[in-house]
Amino acid sequence: MHFLNRLLMILIALVVVVFLLGLFMPKLRQQQGMTQREDDLKKQIDAQKALLAQRTREVDLLKNDRGYVETLARDRLDMMKEGETIIRIESQQATPTPTPGRTRTHAATQ
């Protein structure tokens, strides 16, 4: 009889533990999902901050650096100075379009 009482107490404790786990598991999963979402949002914020810093620098250069504006205009108009070699680095997103009949070296203009 003593053995059965202990076995019954262990089974009751096991049922209580399983019940409590059943109550808390959805909340734990929800918390993990929210933590993952928070991390993703922080990465997006960091990317946006980097983009903002880049754009702010570009605006500052456009307002204050005449040489930058000249270089940018010549690049967009596909013009170059006498004796100048243009080196242009295309981003991975853009597909380079070859210009037939030109003697330019493509890479970056800065």
Protein backbone atom coordinates (compact mmCIF):
# COMPACT_ATOMS: atom_id res chain seq x y z
CA MET A 1 0.00 0.00 0.00
CA HIS A 2 2.85 2.36 0.84
CA PHE A 3 4.35 1.73 -2.63
CA LEU A 4 1.06 2.54 -4.36
CA ASN A 5 0.71 5.81 -2.44
CA ARG A 6 4.17 6.92 -3.57
CA LEU A 7 3.44 5.87 -7.14
CA LEU A 8 0.16 7.79 -7.07
CA MET A 9 1.91 10.91 -5.70
CA ILE A 10 4.58 10.69 -8.40
CA LEU A 11 1.89 10.32 -11.08
CA ILE A 12 -0.03 13.30 -9.70
CA ALA A 13 3.17 15.39 -9.64
CA LEU A 14 3.93 14.33 -13.20
CA VAL A 15 0.41 15.30 -14.35
CA VAL A 16 0.75 18.70 -12.64
CA VAL A 17 4.13 19.31 -14.32
CA VAL A 18 2.75 18.32 -17.74
CA PHE A 19 -0.29 20.55 -17.18
CA LEU A 20 1.89 23.52 -16.23
CA LEU A 21 4.12 22.95 -19.25
CA GLY A 22 1.01 22.87 -21.41
CA LEU A 23 -0.02 26.23 -20.00
CA PHE A 24 3.36 27.93 -20.42
CA MET A 25 4.60 26.49 -23.75
CA PRO A 26 2.42 28.70 -25.97
CA LYS A 27 3.57 31.79 -24.06
CA LEU A 28 7.22 30.72 -24.35
CA ARG A 29 6.85 30.16 -28.09
CA GLN A 30 5.12 33.53 -28.43
CA GLN A 31 7.94 35.19 -26.50
CA GLN A 32 10.56 33.53 -28.72
CA GLY A 33 8.71 34.72 -31.83
CA MET A 34 8.53 38.24 -30.47
CA THR A 35 12.24 38.19 -29.61
CA GLN A 36 13.04 37.06 -33.17
CA ARG A 37 10.81 39.82 -34.59
CA GLU A 38 12.53 42.38 -32.35
CA ASP A 39 15.95 41.25 -33.63
CA ASP A 40 14.75 41.50 -37.23
CA LEU A 41 13.39 45.00 -36.62
CA LYS A 42 16.67 46.09 -35.01
CA LYS A 43 18.56 44.86 -38.09
CA GLN A 44 16.18 46.83 -40.31
CA ILE A 45 16.69 49.93 -38.16
CA ASP A 46 20.48 49.57 -38.42
CA ALA A 47 20.24 49.19 -42.20
CA GLN A 48 18.02 52.28 -42.43
CA LYS A 49 20.44 54.26 -40.23
CA ALA A 50 23.33 53.30 -42.51
CA LEU A 51 21.30 54.32 -45.56
CA LEU A 52 20.40 57.62 -43.90
CA ALA A 53 24.07 58.32 -43.12
CA GLN A 54 25.00 57.57 -46.72
CA ARG A 55 22.25 59.80 -48.11
CA THR A 56 23.10 62.59 -45.64
CA ARG A 57 26.73 62.44 -46.77
CA GLU A 58 25.65 62.57 -50.41
CA VAL A 59 23.38 65.58 -49.77
CA ASP A 60 26.24 67.32 -47.96
CA LEU A 61 28.57 66.62 -50.89
CA LEU A 62 25.97 67.88 -53.37
CA LYS A 63 25.53 71.11 -51.39
CA ASN A 64 29.18 71.81 -50.57
CA ASP A 65 31.54 69.99 -52.96
CA ARG A 66 31.59 71.46 -56.42
CA GLY A 67 34.03 68.82 -57.67
CA TYR A 68 31.68 66.04 -56.60
CA VAL A 69 28.77 67.65 -58.45
CA GLU A 70 30.96 68.06 -61.55
CA THR A 71 32.12 64.44 -61.39
CA LEU A 72 28.57 63.20 -60.87
CA ALA A 73 27.24 65.26 -63.77
CA ARG A 74 29.99 64.11 -66.12
CA ASP A 75 29.40 60.52 -65.08
CA ARG A 76 25.66 60.70 -65.70
CA LEU A 77 26.18 62.46 -69.03
CA ASP A 78 28.88 59.91 -69.94
CA MET A 79 31.49 62.61 -70.59
CA MET A 80 35.13 62.82 -69.61
CA LYS A 81 37.88 65.40 -69.56
CA GLU A 82 40.84 65.35 -71.93
CA GLY A 83 43.30 62.65 -70.83
CA GLU A 84 41.02 61.37 -68.07
CA THR A 85 40.52 57.67 -67.46
CA ILE A 86 37.17 56.72 -65.96
CA ILE A 87 37.03 53.74 -63.66
CA ARG A 88 33.52 52.62 -62.75
CA ILE A 89 32.51 49.90 -60.27
CA GLU A 90 28.98 48.71 -60.92
CA SER A 91 26.90 47.50 -57.99
CA GLN A 92 25.74 43.88 -57.93
CA GLN A 93 22.14 44.99 -58.42
CA ALA A 94 22.82 46.88 -61.64
CA THR A 95 23.60 45.03 -64.82
CA PRO A 96 26.40 46.65 -66.78
CA THR A 97 25.48 47.79 -70.27
CA PRO A 98 28.49 47.98 -72.57
CA THR A 99 28.79 51.16 -74.61
CA PRO A 100 30.04 50.29 -78.11
CA GLY A 101 32.76 52.48 -79.59
CA ARG A 102 33.97 53.96 -76.27
CA THR A 103 37.54 53.68 -74.99
CA ARG A 104 36.72 53.92 -71.29
CA THR A 105 37.74 51.66 -68.46
CA HIS A 106 34.68 50.92 -66.32
CA ALA A 107 34.93 51.11 -62.49
CA ALA A 108 34.30 54.00 -59.99
CA THR A 109 34.26 57.75 -60.56
CA GLN A 110 35.66 59.10 -57.31
